[in-house]
Amino acid sequence: MSATDVSKVRADLEEQRTELQSRLGELGADTDSSPDFDENFADSAQVAAEQGENLTLAANLRDQLDDVQSALGRLDAGTYGRCEVCGKEISEARLEAMPATRYCIEHASSA
């Protein structure tokens, strides 16, 4: 991978990281506090359902953020673009579609 490609990938991954951190912040996922509501409130079930959805969304965003941070670490280590299972190069098309991927297409479903 050329230095230009590495710079672009790094910039794209850093942009993704910033976006994911922002979205997590908007959800309030970095805190343990949840919105206060009256447990006798008629729509408390709705509030609980929304809180559950937010927790699920936050977990997915954290997983994505972990993948992006791991990809940045692989860039630093010089192992970016190699499958973590077989060590073969991941296709450019796959990296373009999923810059934080850890696996080649053959090992993506087994991971």
Protein backbone atom coordinates (compact mmCIF):
# COMPACT_ATOMS: atom_id res chain seq x y z
CA MET A 1 0.00 0.00 0.00
CA SER A 2 1.43 3.36 -1.00
CA ALA A 3 2.03 6.21 1.44
CA THR A 4 -0.78 8.17 -0.20
CA ASP A 5 -3.19 5.26 0.26
CA VAL A 6 -2.14 4.84 3.90
CA SER A 7 -2.68 8.55 4.53
CA LYS A 8 -6.15 8.44 2.99
CA VAL A 9 -7.11 5.28 4.89
CA ARG A 10 -5.85 6.81 8.14
CA ALA A 11 -7.78 10.04 7.51
CA ASP A 12 -10.96 8.08 6.70
CA LEU A 13 -10.60 5.90 9.80
CA GLU A 14 -9.92 8.92 12.03
CA GLU A 15 -13.02 10.61 10.59
CA GLN A 16 -15.05 7.47 11.34
CA ARG A 17 -13.66 7.39 14.87
CA THR A 18 -14.67 11.02 15.46
CA GLU A 19 -18.16 10.39 14.06
CA LEU A 20 -18.66 7.28 16.20
CA GLN A 21 -17.45 9.06 19.33
CA SER A 22 -19.84 11.93 18.58
CA ARG A 23 -22.78 9.59 18.10
CA LEU A 24 -21.97 7.80 21.35
CA GLY A 25 -21.80 11.16 23.11
CA GLU A 26 -25.20 12.16 21.70
CA LEU A 27 -26.69 8.97 23.11
CA GLY A 28 -25.14 9.68 26.47
CA ALA A 29 -23.53 6.25 26.16
CA ASP A 30 -20.41 7.37 27.97
CA THR A 31 -22.31 7.83 31.20
CA ASP A 32 -24.24 5.43 33.37
CA SER A 33 -27.05 7.88 33.91
CA SER A 34 -30.35 7.28 32.25
CA PRO A 35 -33.13 9.80 31.81
CA ASP A 36 -35.32 10.19 34.85
CA PHE A 37 -38.94 9.21 34.49
CA ASP A 38 -41.82 8.64 36.84
CA GLU A 39 -42.30 4.89 37.23
CA ASN A 40 -46.04 5.55 37.56
CA PHE A 41 -46.05 7.43 34.28
CA ALA A 42 -48.40 5.73 31.80
CA ASP A 43 -45.75 5.55 29.09
CA SER A 44 -42.96 4.20 31.29
CA ALA A 45 -42.94 1.02 29.18
CA GLN A 46 -42.25 3.17 26.12
CA VAL A 47 -39.41 4.92 27.93
CA ALA A 48 -37.96 1.55 28.98
CA ALA A 49 -38.20 0.27 25.41
CA GLU A 50 -36.40 3.36 24.09
CA GLN A 51 -33.70 2.97 26.72
CA GLY A 52 -33.21 -0.64 25.60
CA GLU A 53 -32.92 0.46 21.98
CA ASN A 54 -30.38 3.12 22.96
CA LEU A 55 -28.31 0.58 24.90
CA THR A 56 -28.28 -1.76 21.89
CA LEU A 57 -27.35 1.07 19.53
CA ALA A 58 -24.59 2.23 21.87
CA ALA A 59 -23.17 -1.31 22.06
CA ASN A 60 -23.10 -1.52 18.26
CA LEU A 61 -21.42 1.87 18.01
CA ARG A 62 -18.81 0.83 20.59
CA ASP A 63 -18.09 -2.35 18.59
CA GLN A 64 -17.63 -0.27 15.44
CA LEU A 65 -15.39 2.15 17.33
CA ASP A 66 -13.28 -0.76 18.63
CA ASP A 67 -12.89 -2.04 15.05
CA VAL A 68 -11.83 1.40 13.80
CA GLN A 69 -9.32 1.84 16.63
CA SER A 70 -7.94 -1.63 15.96
CA ALA A 71 -7.54 -0.77 12.26
CA LEU A 72 -5.63 2.37 13.21
CA GLY A 73 -3.39 0.23 15.41
CA ARG A 74 -2.78 -2.16 12.51
CA LEU A 75 -1.82 0.82 10.34
CA ASP A 76 0.73 1.85 12.96
CA ALA A 77 2.05 -1.71 13.23
CA GLY A 78 2.26 -2.17 9.47
CA THR A 79 -0.18 -5.08 9.42
CA TYR A 80 -3.18 -3.25 7.99
CA GLY A 81 -4.77 -5.03 5.04
CA ARG A 82 -3.81 -8.54 6.14
CA CYS A 83 -6.30 -11.13 7.32
CA GLU A 84 -5.94 -11.92 11.02
CA VAL A 85 -6.72 -15.59 10.35
CA CYS A 86 -4.63 -16.56 7.32
CA GLY A 87 -2.31 -13.57 6.94
CA LYS A 88 -3.15 -13.09 3.27
CA GLU A 89 -3.80 -9.65 1.84
CA ILE A 90 -7.40 -8.47 2.01
CA SER A 91 -8.68 -7.36 -1.39
CA GLU A 92 -8.67 -3.64 -2.10
CA ALA A 93 -12.39 -3.73 -2.90
CA ARG A 94 -13.16 -5.21 0.53
CA LEU A 95 -10.92 -2.68 2.30
CA GLU A 96 -12.56 0.13 0.36
CA ALA A 97 -16.02 -1.06 1.38
CA MET A 98 -15.02 -1.92 4.96
CA PRO A 99 -11.81 -0.09 5.92
CA ALA A 100 -11.82 -1.47 9.48
CA THR A 101 -12.20 -5.12 8.46
CA ARG A 102 -9.86 -7.65 10.06
CA TYR A 103 -10.58 -10.57 7.75
CA CYS A 104 -10.41 -11.55 4.10
CA ILE A 105 -13.70 -12.54 2.49
CA GLU A 106 -12.96 -16.25 3.03
CA HIS A 107 -12.66 -15.82 6.80
CA ALA A 108 -15.24 -13.07 7.34
CA SER A 109 -18.10 -15.45 8.07
CA SER A 110 -16.09 -17.68 10.40
CA ALA A 111 -14.92 -14.81 12.59
